[in-house]
Amino acid sequence: MRKDDAVRCGADRLAEFSGLFTGRLGLITGASGMTADGCFTIDVLRQLYDLRVLLAPEHGIRGVLGPGEAVHTHVDTLSGLPAYSLFEDRIFSQDVKEKDRVYLPPAEALAQLDTLVFDLQDAGSRYYTYASTLFYSMRAAAAAGKRLVVLDRPNPIGGELVEGNTHTEELFSFVGLTPVPIRHGMTLGELALYYNGEHGLGCDLAVVPVKNWRRDMYYDETGLPFTPPSPNLPTQEAIVVYNGTCLLEGTTVSTGRGTTTPFTLIGAPFVQPVALAQAMNALALPGVQFLPAYFRPEWGKHAHRSCGGVRIRVLDEKAVRPVALGVHLICTLRRLFPGDFACNPPAQGERWHIDLTSGSTELRQGLFSAEEILAGWEKQAQAFLPIREKYLLY
């Protein structure tokens, strides 16, 4: 790739869009906030402009915290800047549709800035929490009269394909705030435009686009350094299948958390690996192979127990249809191990986790075949395309 054709993220174009970074700045970022030459966005933004505060999403400013682990307001050791939490419970207003929790920049942080800058790498998934962090940050910025600038990054699994159902409103949560398909095929910059346009946030929004990125590009084709967007998405292969295997989080099956290969390794103590691998390979799902495997998670679900399962080998990342993969896995596990496979029940007053991630009750109820579920979900994905088209930048 010639230098003029190199893919460059919004974080690489800070000087080029200098007019957007006026006044006191706050930066929402994490471990993925990095330029093409390996510098943290925090450091580059601070050298060029007046960066006053940091705001930390799930996994924290430096990306070392575990899934769901609370982020506490603190001073970032490397920069010396105050880092305010975006992953603690706060009440915003009574009319917020999200019924459980809201995650908003605190008033104390907003009072110290004029412009809020957003730089996080998405995983191309509705239930990846950085999209929800963006939604709430836009809402808060609008309420406080602050501009929000998204430093856009590529969708790591491309921007052409859309898969899965659109989330039903009664199941909105932090792992699905708006009715977009599971695999939405948009960048966070495009989602920000969609949030403003379709959900009336009224945010003073600007997007610094990715230079030279095409919608058919996956992340490993960009030439950009790969930084895991979160601790349990350590590889491009894990991101490719994440939209499918993450659906198993609300079941009795491990998604490989606590191993070195999360989301490409799934199983449980009751799973017979050869039987599962044979059944999944017989489906001839495009782009993947299922290998029988044993593993023992060091933490998380089934910690320190021997599990049987399958390792998902990606043969052709652009052929993989992760949502279909996940639905077929759940239906196959239910069929092969009916006495042990189940969806984890919610705590009192909570909702079923699998319903929240899938945006539907169909996977939990088990009344329909994988083919029937996917046919209905495809109709919903297709219906979303005209809405999506209005906000595409690339």
Foldseek 3Di string as FASTA:
>chain_A
DDPVQAKWWLLRCCVVPVVQQDWEEEEEAELQQATQVGHHSVVVCVVPHHYAAYEYEPCGRHQPDDPLDFDDWDQDPPPRHTYHYQRDFDDDDPPQLAPPGGGADDPVVVVRTQEYEYEAFDLQFLQPLVLRSLLRHQLRCQVSVHAYEYRWDANQLFQDDFAFAFFDSVLAHSRHNGGAGGRRSAISQLSNVLCCPVVVSRHNYHYRGIHNDDRNDHPVPNSGDDDQSHPQRHDSVQSLQVSQQVLCVQKLKAQQAQHPHGNQWIWAQPDDQVVLQVVLVVVVQPQKHWAWDWDAHCDDRNHRHITTYTGIDGRDSNSHDNNLSNLQSLLVCCVVCVPGMAGHQDDPPDHRPSCNNNSHCCSRVVPDHSVVNRVVGVVNNVVCVVSSVVRHDD
